[in-house]
Amino acid sequence: MKRRWTMWIVGGSLAVLFGCGGDVVERMMSDPDLKAKVMNRIGGDTETAGRMVDKLMGGLETRQVVLDKIIGSRDAMQALMEHIAHDQTALDGVIGLAVKDSTMREHVLTLFKGMQMARGR
């Protein structure tokens, strides 16, 4: 009798794993509640979230999505600008990129001249 129950449990488990369960990823992508649970779980685990960001930044299309989301978020953009403002290398890089464009170079120079004039007062 015990052997029969064991066979039913093993058989049922195999059926779920190999047939009845379906593709887990497809199920998650088609079920908004399940997708939200998975994303909340990833967002709550810094190691996994970091690995996901690395994955998203690795592709051109997904990198653009991440950048658009950051730029579109006032809080995220503010945090990014604060980080750049406190990192001399990052700030040098941004200014260096900006002055490659003639219009932006004039704007940067105008800002610097304004800061010099304000300091001289």
PDB file of N, CA and C in Angstrom:
ATOM      1  N   MET A   1       0.823  -1.187   0.000  1.00  0.00           N
ATOM      2  CA  MET A   1       0.000   0.000   0.000  1.00  0.00           C
ATOM      3  C   MET A   1       0.870   1.256   0.000  1.00  0.00           C
ATOM      4  N   LYS A   2       1.913   1.271   0.837  1.00  0.00           N
ATOM      5  CA  LYS A   2       2.801   2.417   0.924  1.00  0.00           C
ATOM      6  C   LYS A   2       3.508   2.639  -0.409  1.00  0.00           C
ATOM      7  N   ARG A   3       3.854   1.557  -1.068  1.00  0.00           N
ATOM      8  CA  ARG A   3       4.544   1.637  -2.360  1.00  0.00           C
ATOM      9  C   ARG A   3       3.627   2.268  -3.416  1.00  0.00           C
ATOM     10  N   ARG A   4       2.348   1.934  -3.366  1.00  0.00           N
ATOM     11  CA  ARG A   4       1.386   2.487  -4.322  1.00  0.00           C
ATOM     12  C   ARG A   4       1.279   4.010  -4.157  1.00  0.00           C
ATOM     13  N   TRP A   5       1.198   4.503  -2.901  1.00  0.00           N
ATOM     14  CA  TRP A   5       1.142   5.943  -2.654  1.00  0.00           C
ATOM     15  C   TRP A   5       2.413   6.636  -3.151  1.00  0.00           C
ATOM     16  N   THR A   6       3.535   6.010  -2.931  1.00  0.00           N
ATOM     17  CA  THR A   6       4.805   6.574  -3.379  1.00  0.00           C
ATOM     18  C   THR A   6       4.807   6.706  -4.896  1.00  0.00           C
ATOM     19  N   MET A   7       4.312   5.689  -5.595  1.00  0.00           N
ATOM     20  CA  MET A   7       4.264   5.711  -7.055  1.00  0.00           C
ATOM     21  C   MET A   7       3.328   6.816  -7.543  1.00  0.00           C
ATOM     22  N   TRP A   8       2.197   7.015  -6.865  1.00  0.00           N
ATOM     23  CA  TRP A   8       1.257   8.072  -7.241  1.00  0.00           C
ATOM     24  C   TRP A   8       1.900   9.451  -7.058  1.00  0.00           C
ATOM     25  N   ILE A   9       2.597   9.620  -5.964  1.00  0.00           N
ATOM     26  CA  ILE A   9       3.234  10.910  -5.691  1.00  0.00           C
ATOM     27  C   ILE A   9       4.327  11.185  -6.717  1.00  0.00           C
ATOM     28  N   VAL A  10       5.176  10.199  -6.982  1.00  0.00           N
ATOM     29  CA  VAL A  10       6.255  10.364  -7.962  1.00  0.00           C
ATOM     30  C   VAL A  10       5.664  10.605  -9.345  1.00  0.00           C
ATOM     31  N   GLY A  11       4.690   9.830  -9.727  1.00  0.00           N
ATOM     32  CA  GLY A  11       4.054   9.983 -11.042  1.00  0.00           C
ATOM     33  C   GLY A  11       3.398  11.345 -11.194  1.00  0.00           C
ATOM     34  N   GLY A  12       2.694  11.775 -10.168  1.00  0.00           N
ATOM     35  CA  GLY A  12       2.050  13.093 -10.214  1.00  0.00           C
ATOM     36  C   GLY A  12       3.065  14.213 -10.314  1.00  0.00           C
ATOM     37  N   SER A  13       4.136  14.089  -9.572  1.00  0.00           N
ATOM     38  CA  SER A  13       5.184  15.106  -9.611  1.00  0.00           C
ATOM     39  C   SER A  13       5.821  15.180 -10.992  1.00  0.00           C
ATOM     40  N   LEU A  14       6.103  14.041 -11.588  1.00  0.00           N
ATOM     41  CA  LEU A  14       6.692  14.010 -12.933  1.00  0.00           C
ATOM     42  C   LEU A  14       5.729  14.602 -13.961  1.00  0.00           C
ATOM     43  N   ALA A  15       4.447  14.306 -13.810  1.00  0.00           N
ATOM     44  CA  ALA A  15       3.459  14.856 -14.742  1.00  0.00           C
ATOM     45  C   ALA A  15       3.438  16.378 -14.658  1.00  0.00           C
ATOM     46  N   VAL A  16       3.503  16.893 -13.459  1.00  0.00           N
ATOM     47  CA  VAL A  16       3.500  18.346 -13.293  1.00  0.00           C
ATOM     48  C   VAL A  16       4.780  18.939 -13.867  1.00  0.00           C
ATOM     49  N   LEU A  17       5.934  18.325 -13.581  1.00  0.00           N
ATOM     50  CA  LEU A  17       7.207  18.859 -14.044  1.00  0.00           C
ATOM     51  C   LEU A  17       7.351  18.817 -15.559  1.00  0.00           C
ATOM     52  N   PHE A  18       6.903  17.733 -16.188  1.00  0.00           N
ATOM     53  CA  PHE A  18       7.168  17.550 -17.606  1.00  0.00           C
ATOM     54  C   PHE A  18       5.976  17.774 -18.527  1.00  0.00           C
ATOM     55  N   GLY A  19       4.819  17.977 -17.996  1.00  0.00           N
ATOM     56  CA  GLY A  19       3.689  18.120 -18.895  1.00  0.00           C
ATOM     57  C   GLY A  19       2.701  19.160 -18.458  1.00  0.00           C
ATOM     58  N   CYS A  20       2.068  18.915 -17.384  1.00  0.00           N
ATOM     59  CA  CYS A  20       0.969  19.772 -16.952  1.00  0.00           C
ATOM     60  C   CYS A  20       1.437  21.154 -16.534  1.00  0.00           C
ATOM     61  N   GLY A  21       2.667  21.282 -16.110  1.00  0.00           N
ATOM     62  CA  GLY A  21       3.166  22.561 -15.610  1.00  0.00           C
ATOM     63  C   GLY A  21       3.362  23.595 -16.693  1.00  0.00           C
ATOM     64  N   GLY A  22       3.653  23.178 -17.915  1.00  0.00           N
ATOM     65  CA  GLY A  22       3.891  24.116 -19.002  1.00  0.00           C
ATOM     66  C   GLY A  22       5.196  24.864 -18.824  1.00  0.00           C
ATOM     67  N   ASP A  23       5.448  25.794 -19.714  1.00  0.00           N
ATOM     68  CA  ASP A  23       6.659  26.603 -19.662  1.00  0.00           C
ATOM     69  C   ASP A  23       6.481  27.684 -18.601  1.00  0.00           C
ATOM     70  N   VAL A  24       7.319  27.639 -17.591  1.00  0.00           N
ATOM     71  CA  VAL A  24       7.206  28.556 -16.460  1.00  0.00           C
ATOM     72  C   VAL A  24       7.365  30.003 -16.916  1.00  0.00           C
ATOM     73  N   VAL A  25       8.309  30.270 -17.791  1.00  0.00           N
ATOM     74  CA  VAL A  25       8.554  31.634 -18.248  1.00  0.00           C
ATOM     75  C   VAL A  25       7.345  32.161 -19.019  1.00  0.00           C
ATOM     76  N   GLU A  26       6.812  31.363 -19.917  1.00  0.00           N
ATOM     77  CA  GLU A  26       5.628  31.786 -20.670  1.00  0.00           C
ATOM     78  C   GLU A  26       4.455  32.052 -19.740  1.00  0.00           C
ATOM     79  N   ARG A  27       4.315  31.201 -18.744  1.00  0.00           N
ATOM     80  CA  ARG A  27       3.231  31.384 -17.777  1.00  0.00           C
ATOM     81  C   ARG A  27       3.408  32.706 -17.027  1.00  0.00           C
ATOM     82  N   MET A  28       4.647  32.972 -16.612  1.00  0.00           N
ATOM     83  CA  MET A  28       4.903  34.200 -15.884  1.00  0.00           C
ATOM     84  C   MET A  28       4.637  35.421 -16.767  1.00  0.00           C
ATOM     85  N   MET A  29       5.084  35.380 -18.005  1.00  0.00           N
ATOM     86  CA  MET A  29       4.929  36.529 -18.891  1.00  0.00           C
ATOM     87  C   MET A  29       3.469  36.797 -19.246  1.00  0.00           C
ATOM     88  N   SER A  30       2.644  35.774 -19.205  1.00  0.00           N
ATOM     89  CA  SER A  30       1.239  35.959 -19.566  1.00  0.00           C
ATOM     90  C   SER A  30       0.342  36.214 -18.349  1.00  0.00           C
ATOM     91  N   ASP A  31       0.880  36.072 -17.155  1.00  0.00           N
ATOM     92  CA  ASP A  31       0.098  36.260 -15.938  1.00  0.00           C
ATOM     93  C   ASP A  31       0.592  37.522 -15.215  1.00  0.00           C
ATOM     94  N   PRO A  32      -0.152  38.636 -15.298  1.00  0.00           N
ATOM     95  CA  PRO A  32       0.310  39.893 -14.688  1.00  0.00           C
ATOM     96  C   PRO A  32       0.584  39.789 -13.190  1.00  0.00           C
ATOM     97  N   ASP A  33      -0.223  39.017 -12.471  1.00  0.00           N
ATOM     98  CA  ASP A  33      -0.004  38.881 -11.028  1.00  0.00           C
ATOM     99  C   ASP A  33       1.295  38.145 -10.741  1.00  0.00           C
ATOM    100  N   LEU A  34       1.538  37.064 -11.472  1.00  0.00           N
ATOM    101  CA  LEU A  34       2.766  36.296 -11.288  1.00  0.00           C
ATOM    102  C   LEU A  34       3.977  37.128 -11.700  1.00  0.00           C
ATOM    103  N   LYS A  35       3.861  37.871 -12.801  1.00  0.00           N
ATOM    104  CA  LYS A  35       4.952  38.739 -13.258  1.00  0.00           C
ATOM    105  C   LYS A  35       5.283  39.778 -12.187  1.00  0.00           C
ATOM    106  N   ALA A  36       4.253  40.382 -11.591  1.00  0.00           N
ATOM    107  CA  ALA A  36       4.460  41.386 -10.541  1.00  0.00           C
ATOM    108  C   ALA A  36       5.151  40.773  -9.333  1.00  0.00           C
ATOM    109  N   LYS A  37       4.758  39.555  -8.961  1.00  0.00           N
ATOM    110  CA  LYS A  37       5.396  38.888  -7.821  1.00  0.00           C
ATOM    111  C   LYS A  37       6.876  38.628  -8.091  1.00  0.00           C
ATOM    112  N   VAL A  38       7.188  38.155  -9.301  1.00  0.00           N
ATOM    113  CA  VAL A  38       8.588  37.879  -9.649  1.00  0.00           C
ATOM    114  C   VAL A  38       9.390  39.184  -9.648  1.00  0.00           C
ATOM    115  N   MET A  39       8.839  40.248 -10.243  1.00  0.00           N
ATOM    116  CA  MET A  39       9.558  41.517 -10.292  1.00  0.00           C
ATOM    117  C   MET A  39       9.738  42.098  -8.895  1.00  0.00           C
ATOM    118  N   ASN A  40       8.731  41.970  -8.036  1.00  0.00           N
ATOM    119  CA  ASN A  40       8.875  42.440  -6.650  1.00  0.00           C
ATOM    120  C   ASN A  40       9.952  41.661  -5.919  1.00  0.00           C
ATOM    121  N   ARG A  41      10.011  40.384  -6.180  1.00  0.00           N
ATOM    122  CA  ARG A  41      11.027  39.548  -5.523  1.00  0.00           C
ATOM    123  C   ARG A  41      12.431  39.943  -5.986  1.00  0.00           C
ATOM    124  N   ILE A  42      12.582  40.162  -7.299  1.00  0.00           N
ATOM    125  CA  ILE A  42      13.881  40.590  -7.836  1.00  0.00           C
ATOM    126  C   ILE A  42      14.241  41.958  -7.266  1.00  0.00           C
ATOM    127  N   GLY A  43      13.269  42.874  -7.247  1.00  0.00           N
ATOM    128  CA  GLY A  43      13.513  44.223  -6.717  1.00  0.00           C
ATOM    129  C   GLY A  43      13.857  44.233  -5.243  1.00  0.00           C
ATOM    130  N   GLY A  44      13.445  43.206  -4.514  1.00  0.00           N
ATOM    131  CA  GLY A  44      13.720  43.131  -3.087  1.00  0.00           C
ATOM    132  C   GLY A  44      15.034  42.455  -2.751  1.00  0.00           C
ATOM    133  N   ASP A  45      15.739  41.970  -3.751  1.00  0.00           N
ATOM    134  CA  ASP A  45      17.011  41.272  -3.537  1.00  0.00           C
ATOM    135  C   ASP A  45      18.092  42.039  -4.289  1.00  0.00           C
ATOM    136  N   THR A  46      18.937  42.775  -3.569  1.00  0.00           N
ATOM    137  CA  THR A  46      19.901  43.660  -4.218  1.00  0.00           C
ATOM    138  C   THR A  46      20.868  42.920  -5.139  1.00  0.00           C
ATOM    139  N   GLU A  47      21.271  41.728  -4.765  1.00  0.00           N
ATOM    140  CA  GLU A  47      22.199  40.977  -5.624  1.00  0.00           C
ATOM    141  C   GLU A  47      21.527  40.627  -6.951  1.00  0.00           C
ATOM    142  N   THR A  48      20.321  40.096  -6.883  1.00  0.00           N
ATOM    143  CA  THR A  48      19.608  39.718  -8.099  1.00  0.00           C
ATOM    144  C   THR A  48      19.235  40.952  -8.912  1.00  0.00           C
ATOM    145  N   ALA A  49      18.825  42.022  -8.240  1.00  0.00           N
ATOM    146  CA  ALA A  49      18.482  43.264  -8.937  1.00  0.00           C
ATOM    147  C   ALA A  49      19.707  43.796  -9.683  1.00  0.00           C
ATOM    148  N   GLY A  50      20.864  43.743  -9.040  1.00  0.00           N
ATOM    149  CA  GLY A  50      22.098  44.183  -9.691  1.00  0.00           C
ATOM    150  C   GLY A  50      22.424  43.355 -10.913  1.00  0.00           C
ATOM    151  N   ARG A  51      22.236  42.054 -10.811  1.00  0.00           N
ATOM    152  CA  ARG A  51      22.481  41.176 -11.954  1.00  0.00           C
ATOM    153  C   ARG A  51      21.491  41.464 -13.072  1.00  0.00           C
ATOM    154  N   MET A  52      20.250  41.798 -12.715  1.00  0.00           N
ATOM    155  CA  MET A  52      19.245  42.130 -13.725  1.00  0.00           C
ATOM    156  C   MET A  52      19.608  43.436 -14.429  1.00  0.00           C
ATOM    157  N   VAL A  53      20.070  44.422 -13.677  1.00  0.00           N
ATOM    158  CA  VAL A  53      20.485  45.689 -14.285  1.00  0.00           C
ATOM    159  C   VAL A  53      21.658  45.446 -15.235  1.00  0.00           C
ATOM    160  N   ASP A  54      22.629  44.620 -14.812  1.00  0.00           N
ATOM    161  CA  ASP A  54      23.749  44.279 -15.694  1.00  0.00           C
ATOM    162  C   ASP A  54      23.234  43.660 -16.991  1.00  0.00           C
ATOM    163  N   LYS A  55      22.269  42.782 -16.878  1.00  0.00           N
ATOM    164  CA  LYS A  55      21.684  42.120 -18.049  1.00  0.00           C
ATOM    165  C   LYS A  55      20.997  43.146 -18.949  1.00  0.00           C
ATOM    166  N   LEU A  56      20.225  44.050 -18.355  1.00  0.00           N
ATOM    167  CA  LEU A  56      19.511  45.061 -19.132  1.00  0.00           C
ATOM    168  C   LEU A  56      20.475  46.039 -19.799  1.00  0.00           C
ATOM    169  N   MET A  57      21.559  46.396 -19.122  1.00  0.00           N
ATOM    170  CA  MET A  57      22.530  47.332 -19.679  1.00  0.00           C
ATOM    171  C   MET A  57      23.406  46.679 -20.755  1.00  0.00           C
ATOM    172  N   GLY A  58      23.368  45.367 -20.846  1.00  0.00           N
ATOM    173  CA  GLY A  58      24.193  44.650 -21.813  1.00  0.00           C
ATOM    174  C   GLY A  58      23.683  44.704 -23.240  1.00  0.00           C
ATOM    175  N   GLY A  59      22.422  45.010 -23.437  1.00  0.00           N
ATOM    176  CA  GLY A  59      21.858  45.061 -24.786  1.00  0.00           C
ATOM    177  C   GLY A  59      21.527  46.493 -25.175  1.00  0.00           C
ATOM    178  N   LEU A  60      21.686  46.823 -26.450  1.00  0.00           N
ATOM    179  CA  LEU A  60      21.444  48.193 -26.892  1.00  0.00           C
ATOM    180  C   LEU A  60      20.005  48.629 -26.658  1.00  0.00           C
ATOM    181  N   GLU A  61      19.046  47.790 -27.019  1.00  0.00           N
ATOM    182  CA  GLU A  61      17.640  48.166 -26.866  1.00  0.00           C
ATOM    183  C   GLU A  61      17.242  48.273 -25.401  1.00  0.00           C
ATOM    184  N   THR A  62      17.648  47.287 -24.596  1.00  0.00           N
ATOM    185  CA  THR A  62      17.264  47.330 -23.184  1.00  0.00           C
ATOM    186  C   THR A  62      18.021  48.424 -22.439  1.00  0.00           C
ATOM    187  N   ARG A  63      19.256  48.717 -22.861  1.00  0.00           N
ATOM    188  CA  ARG A  63      19.998  49.827 -22.248  1.00  0.00           C
ATOM    189  C   ARG A  63      19.251  51.133 -22.487  1.00  0.00           C
ATOM    190  N   GLN A  64      18.738  51.318 -23.701  1.00  0.00           N
ATOM    191  CA  GLN A  64      18.010  52.536 -24.023  1.00  0.00           C
ATOM    192  C   GLN A  64      16.741  52.651 -23.182  1.00  0.00           C
ATOM    193  N   VAL A  65      16.076  51.529 -22.935  1.00  0.00           N
ATOM    194  CA  VAL A  65      14.877  51.536 -22.090  1.00  0.00           C
ATOM    195  C   VAL A  65      15.247  51.986 -20.678  1.00  0.00           C
ATOM    196  N   VAL A  66      16.336  51.447 -20.144  1.00  0.00           N
ATOM    197  CA  VAL A  66      16.769  51.820 -18.792  1.00  0.00           C
ATOM    198  C   VAL A  66      17.104  53.309 -18.739  1.00  0.00           C
ATOM    199  N   LEU A  67      17.864  53.796 -19.720  1.00  0.00           N
ATOM    200  CA  LEU A  67      18.237  55.204 -19.737  1.00  0.00           C
ATOM    201  C   LEU A  67      17.005  56.105 -19.873  1.00  0.00           C
ATOM    202  N   ASP A  68      16.065  55.719 -20.728  1.00  0.00           N
ATOM    203  CA  ASP A  68      14.837  56.508 -20.878  1.00  0.00           C
ATOM    204  C   ASP A  68      14.051  56.551 -19.571  1.00  0.00           C
ATOM    205  N   LYS A  69      14.029  55.437 -18.854  1.00  0.00           N
ATOM    206  CA  LYS A  69      13.320  55.396 -17.565  1.00  0.00           C
ATOM    207  C   LYS A  69      14.005  56.284 -16.540  1.00  0.00           C
ATOM    208  N   ILE A  70      15.335  56.273 -16.512  1.00  0.00           N
ATOM    209  CA  ILE A  70      16.076  57.117 -15.576  1.00  0.00           C
ATOM    210  C   ILE A  70      15.839  58.589 -15.898  1.00  0.00           C
ATOM    211  N   ILE A  71      15.970  58.946 -17.167  1.00  0.00           N
ATOM    212  CA  ILE A  71      15.781  60.336 -17.575  1.00  0.00           C
ATOM    213  C   ILE A  71      14.347  60.780 -17.326  1.00  0.00           C
ATOM    214  N   GLY A  72      13.409  59.876 -17.473  1.00  0.00           N
ATOM    215  CA  GLY A  72      12.003  60.206 -17.266  1.00  0.00           C
ATOM    216  C   GLY A  72      11.575  60.265 -15.811  1.00  0.00           C
ATOM    217  N   SER A  73      12.451  59.841 -14.919  1.00  0.00           N
ATOM    218  CA  SER A  73      12.133  59.846 -13.495  1.00  0.00           C
ATOM    219  C   SER A  73      12.868  60.994 -12.817  1.00  0.00           C
ATOM    220  N   ARG A  74      12.124  61.932 -12.283  1.00  0.00           N
ATOM    221  CA  ARG A  74      12.739  63.095 -11.628  1.00  0.00           C
ATOM    222  C   ARG A  74      13.684  62.653 -10.510  1.00  0.00           C
ATOM    223  N   ASP A  75      13.243  61.716  -9.680  1.00  0.00           N
ATOM    224  CA  ASP A  75      14.069  61.276  -8.547  1.00  0.00           C
ATOM    225  C   ASP A  75      15.338  60.557  -9.014  1.00  0.00           C
ATOM    226  N   ALA A  76      15.201  59.675 -10.000  1.00  0.00           N
ATOM    227  CA  ALA A  76      16.365  58.942 -10.502  1.00  0.00           C
ATOM    228  C   ALA A  76      17.345  59.884 -11.182  1.00  0.00           C
ATOM    229  N   MET A  77      16.842  60.820 -11.953  1.00  0.00           N
ATOM    230  CA  MET A  77      17.707  61.769 -12.641  1.00  0.00           C
ATOM    231  C   MET A  77      18.427  62.659 -11.633  1.00  0.00           C
ATOM    232  N   GLN A  78      17.721  63.096 -10.590  1.00  0.00           N
ATOM    233  CA  GLN A  78      18.336  63.914  -9.545  1.00  0.00           C
ATOM    234  C   GLN A  78      19.458  63.144  -8.858  1.00  0.00           C
ATOM    235  N   ALA A  79      19.211  61.882  -8.549  1.00  0.00           N
ATOM    236  CA  ALA A  79      20.235  61.056  -7.899  1.00  0.00           C
ATOM    237  C   ALA A  79      21.444  60.876  -8.811  1.00  0.00           C
ATOM    238  N   LEU A  80      21.205  60.689 -10.093  1.00  0.00           N
ATOM    239  CA  LEU A  80      22.308  60.540 -11.048  1.00  0.00           C
ATOM    240  C   LEU A  80      23.125  61.831 -11.139  1.00  0.00           C
ATOM    241  N   MET A  81      22.440  62.973 -11.222  1.00  0.00           N
ATOM    242  CA  MET A  81      23.157  64.246 -11.298  1.00  0.00           C
ATOM    243  C   MET A  81      23.951  64.519 -10.019  1.00  0.00           C
ATOM    244  N   GLU A  82      23.386  64.172  -8.870  1.00  0.00           N
ATOM    245  CA  GLU A  82      24.114  64.344  -7.610  1.00  0.00           C
ATOM    246  C   GLU A  82      25.361  63.465  -7.589  1.00  0.00           C
ATOM    247  N   HIS A  83      25.237  62.258  -8.094  1.00  0.00           N
ATOM    248  CA  HIS A  83      26.398  61.358  -8.157  1.00  0.00           C
ATOM    249  C   HIS A  83      27.480  61.970  -9.053  1.00  0.00           C
ATOM    250  N   ILE A  84      27.084  62.444 -10.224  1.00  0.00           N
ATOM    251  CA  ILE A  84      28.051  63.050 -11.151  1.00  0.00           C
ATOM    252  C   ILE A  84      28.674  64.297 -10.534  1.00  0.00           C
ATOM    253  N   ALA A  85      27.879  65.104  -9.863  1.00  0.00           N
ATOM    254  CA  ALA A  85      28.372  66.347  -9.269  1.00  0.00           C
ATOM    255  C   ALA A  85      29.418  66.100  -8.193  1.00  0.00           C
ATOM    256  N   HIS A  86      29.394  64.937  -7.566  1.00  0.00           N
ATOM    257  CA  HIS A  86      30.344  64.625  -6.496  1.00  0.00           C
ATOM    258  C   HIS A  86      31.475  63.704  -6.960  1.00  0.00           C
ATOM    259  N   ASP A  87      31.527  63.417  -8.246  1.00  0.00           N
ATOM    260  CA  ASP A  87      32.558  62.528  -8.794  1.00  0.00           C
ATOM    261  C   ASP A  87      33.325  63.320  -9.855  1.00  0.00           C
ATOM    262  N   GLN A  88      34.532  63.738  -9.515  1.00  0.00           N
ATOM    263  CA  GLN A  88      35.301  64.625 -10.391  1.00  0.00           C
ATOM    264  C   GLN A  88      35.517  64.007 -11.773  1.00  0.00           C
ATOM    265  N   THR A  89      35.814  62.731 -11.827  1.00  0.00           N
ATOM    266  CA  THR A  89      36.043  62.074 -13.116  1.00  0.00           C
ATOM    267  C   THR A  89      34.767  62.079 -13.961  1.00  0.00           C
ATOM    268  N   ALA A  90      33.625  61.773 -13.326  1.00  0.00           N
ATOM    269  CA  ALA A  90      32.361  61.771 -14.058  1.00  0.00           C
ATOM    270  C   ALA A  90      32.020  63.181 -14.544  1.00  0.00           C
ATOM    271  N   LEU A  91      32.233  64.172 -13.693  1.00  0.00           N
ATOM    272  CA  LEU A  91      31.939  65.555 -14.078  1.00  0.00           C
ATOM    273  C   LEU A  91      32.836  66.002 -15.230  1.00  0.00           C
ATOM    274  N   ASP A  92      34.124  65.676 -15.153  1.00  0.00           N
ATOM    275  CA  ASP A  92      35.049  65.996 -16.253  1.00  0.00           C
ATOM    276  C   ASP A  92      34.575  65.341 -17.553  1.00  0.00           C
ATOM    277  N   GLY A  93      34.101  64.110 -17.448  1.00  0.00           N
ATOM    278  CA  GLY A  93      33.616  63.402 -18.631  1.00  0.00           C
ATOM    279  C   GLY A  93      32.395  64.054 -19.242  1.00  0.00           C
ATOM    280  N   VAL A  94      31.448  64.461 -18.412  1.00  0.00           N
ATOM    281  CA  VAL A  94      30.235  65.114 -18.912  1.00  0.00           C
ATOM    282  C   VAL A  94      30.579  66.449 -19.559  1.00  0.00           C
ATOM    283  N   ILE A  95      31.421  67.236 -18.903  1.00  0.00           N
ATOM    284  CA  ILE A  95      31.810  68.532 -19.479  1.00  0.00           C
ATOM    285  C   ILE A  95      32.577  68.310 -20.780  1.00  0.00           C
ATOM    286  N   GLY A  96      33.457  67.328 -20.789  1.00  0.00           N
ATOM    287  CA  GLY A  96      34.212  67.010 -22.003  1.00  0.00           C
ATOM    288  C   GLY A  96      33.308  66.634 -23.163  1.00  0.00           C
ATOM    289  N   LEU A  97      32.278  65.856 -22.881  1.00  0.00           N
ATOM    290  CA  LEU A  97      31.323  65.502 -23.934  1.00  0.00           C
ATOM    291  C   LEU A  97      30.519  66.714 -24.379  1.00  0.00           C
ATOM    292  N   ALA A  98      30.124  67.545 -23.418  1.00  0.00           N
ATOM    293  CA  ALA A  98      29.301  68.705 -23.740  1.00  0.00           C
ATOM    294  C   ALA A  98      30.037  69.688 -24.649  1.00  0.00           C
ATOM    295  N   VAL A  99      31.312  69.928 -24.394  1.00  0.00           N
ATOM    296  CA  VAL A  99      32.032  70.945 -25.166  1.00  0.00           C
ATOM    297  C   VAL A  99      32.427  70.470 -26.560  1.00  0.00           C
ATOM    298  N   LYS A 100      32.185  69.212 -26.869  1.00  0.00           N
ATOM    299  CA  LYS A 100      32.430  68.723 -28.237  1.00  0.00           C
ATOM    300  C   LYS A 100      31.407  69.302 -29.209  1.00  0.00           C
ATOM    301  N   ASP A 101      30.242  69.654 -28.708  1.00  0.00           N
ATOM    302  CA  ASP A 101      29.191  70.268 -29.523  1.00  0.00           C
ATOM    303  C   ASP A 101      29.340  71.784 -29.403  1.00  0.00           C
ATOM    304  N   SER A 102      29.388  72.498 -30.534  1.00  0.00           N
ATOM    305  CA  SER A 102      29.672  73.942 -30.495  1.00  0.00           C
ATOM    306  C   SER A 102      28.621  74.723 -29.712  1.00  0.00           C
ATOM    307  N   THR A 103      27.362  74.388 -29.837  1.00  0.00           N
ATOM    308  CA  THR A 103      26.314  75.095 -29.105  1.00  0.00           C
ATOM    309  C   THR A 103      26.454  74.867 -27.606  1.00  0.00           C
ATOM    310  N   MET A 104      26.698  73.628 -27.219  1.00  0.00           N
ATOM    311  CA  MET A 104      26.858  73.316 -25.794  1.00  0.00           C
ATOM    312  C   MET A 104      28.142  73.919 -25.248  1.00  0.00           C
ATOM    313  N   ARG A 105      29.197  73.986 -26.084  1.00  0.00           N
ATOM    314  CA  ARG A 105      30.449  74.585 -25.631  1.00  0.00           C
ATOM    315  C   ARG A 105      30.218  76.049 -25.253  1.00  0.00           C
ATOM    316  N   GLU A 106      29.472  76.762 -26.088  1.00  0.00           N
ATOM    317  CA  GLU A 106      29.163  78.167 -25.793  1.00  0.00           C
ATOM    318  C   GLU A 106      28.338  78.273 -24.510  1.00  0.00           C
ATOM    319  N   HIS A 107      27.412  77.356 -24.323  1.00  0.00           N
ATOM    320  CA  HIS A 107      26.588  77.367 -23.103  1.00  0.00           C
ATOM    321  C   HIS A 107      27.456  77.134 -21.864  1.00  0.00           C
ATOM    322  N   VAL A 108      28.354  76.138 -21.947  1.00  0.00           N
ATOM    323  CA  VAL A 108      29.244  75.832 -20.818  1.00  0.00           C
ATOM    324  C   VAL A 108      30.130  77.041 -20.513  1.00  0.00           C
ATOM    325  N   LEU A 109      30.677  77.654 -21.546  1.00  0.00           N
ATOM    326  CA  LEU A 109      31.525  78.834 -21.329  1.00  0.00           C
ATOM    327  C   LEU A 109      30.735  79.981 -20.703  1.00  0.00           C
ATOM    328  N   THR A 110      29.485  80.154 -21.127  1.00  0.00           N
ATOM    329  CA  THR A 110      28.629  81.189 -20.536  1.00  0.00           C
ATOM    330  C   THR A 110      28.391  80.903 -19.051  1.00  0.00           C
ATOM    331  N   LEU A 111      28.168  79.638 -18.721  1.00  0.00           N
ATOM    332  CA  LEU A 111      27.979  79.268 -17.314  1.00  0.00           C
ATOM    333  C   LEU A 111      29.241  79.564 -16.502  1.00  0.00           C
ATOM    334  N   PHE A 112      30.395  79.192 -17.046  1.00  0.00           N
ATOM    335  CA  PHE A 112      31.652  79.433 -16.338  1.00  0.00           C
ATOM    336  C   PHE A 112      31.906  80.934 -16.157  1.00  0.00           C
ATOM    337  N   LYS A 113      31.630  81.722 -17.199  1.00  0.00           N
ATOM    338  CA  LYS A 113      31.811  83.177 -17.099  1.00  0.00           C
ATOM    339  C   LYS A 113      30.881  83.748 -16.028  1.00  0.00           C
ATOM    340  N   GLY A 114      29.666  83.249 -15.980  1.00  0.00           N
ATOM    341  CA  GLY A 114      28.713  83.688 -14.957  1.00  0.00           C
ATOM    342  C   GLY A 114      29.194  83.344 -13.558  1.00  0.00           C
ATOM    343  N   MET A 115      29.781  82.184 -13.385  1.00  0.00           N
ATOM    344  CA  MET A 115      30.316  81.802 -12.071  1.00  0.00           C
ATOM    345  C   MET A 115      31.492  82.678 -11.691  1.00  0.00           C
ATOM    346  N   GLN A 116      32.350  83.021 -12.677  1.00  0.00           N
ATOM    347  CA  GLN A 116      33.483  83.888 -12.392  1.00  0.00           C
ATOM    348  C   GLN A 116      33.009  85.282 -11.984  1.00  0.00           C
ATOM    349  N   MET A 117      31.997  85.791 -12.695  1.00  0.00           N
ATOM    350  CA  MET A 117      31.462  87.125 -12.383  1.00  0.00           C
ATOM    351  C   MET A 117      30.832  87.123 -10.994  1.00  0.00           C
ATOM    352  N   ALA A 118      30.123  86.065 -10.655  1.00  0.00           N
ATOM    353  CA  ALA A 118      29.482  85.981  -9.331  1.00  0.00           C
ATOM    354  C   ALA A 118      30.515  85.908  -8.226  1.00  0.00           C
ATOM    355  N   ARG A 119      31.628  85.257  -8.466  1.00  0.00           N
ATOM    356  CA  ARG A 119      32.669  85.140  -7.462  1.00  0.00           C
ATOM    357  C   ARG A 119      33.387  86.463  -7.251  1.00  0.00           C
ATOM    358  N   GLY A 120      33.484  87.273  -8.321  1.00  0.00           N
ATOM    359  CA  GLY A 120      34.192  88.542  -8.243  1.00  0.00           C
ATOM    360  C   GLY A 120      33.445  89.614  -7.474  1.00  0.00           C
ATOM    361  N   ARG A 121      32.195  89.404  -7.202  1.00  0.00           N
ATOM    362  CA  ARG A 121      31.389  90.434  -6.502  1.00  0.00           C
ATOM    363  C   ARG A 121      31.756  90.557  -5.072  1.00  0.00           C
TER     364      ARG A 121
END
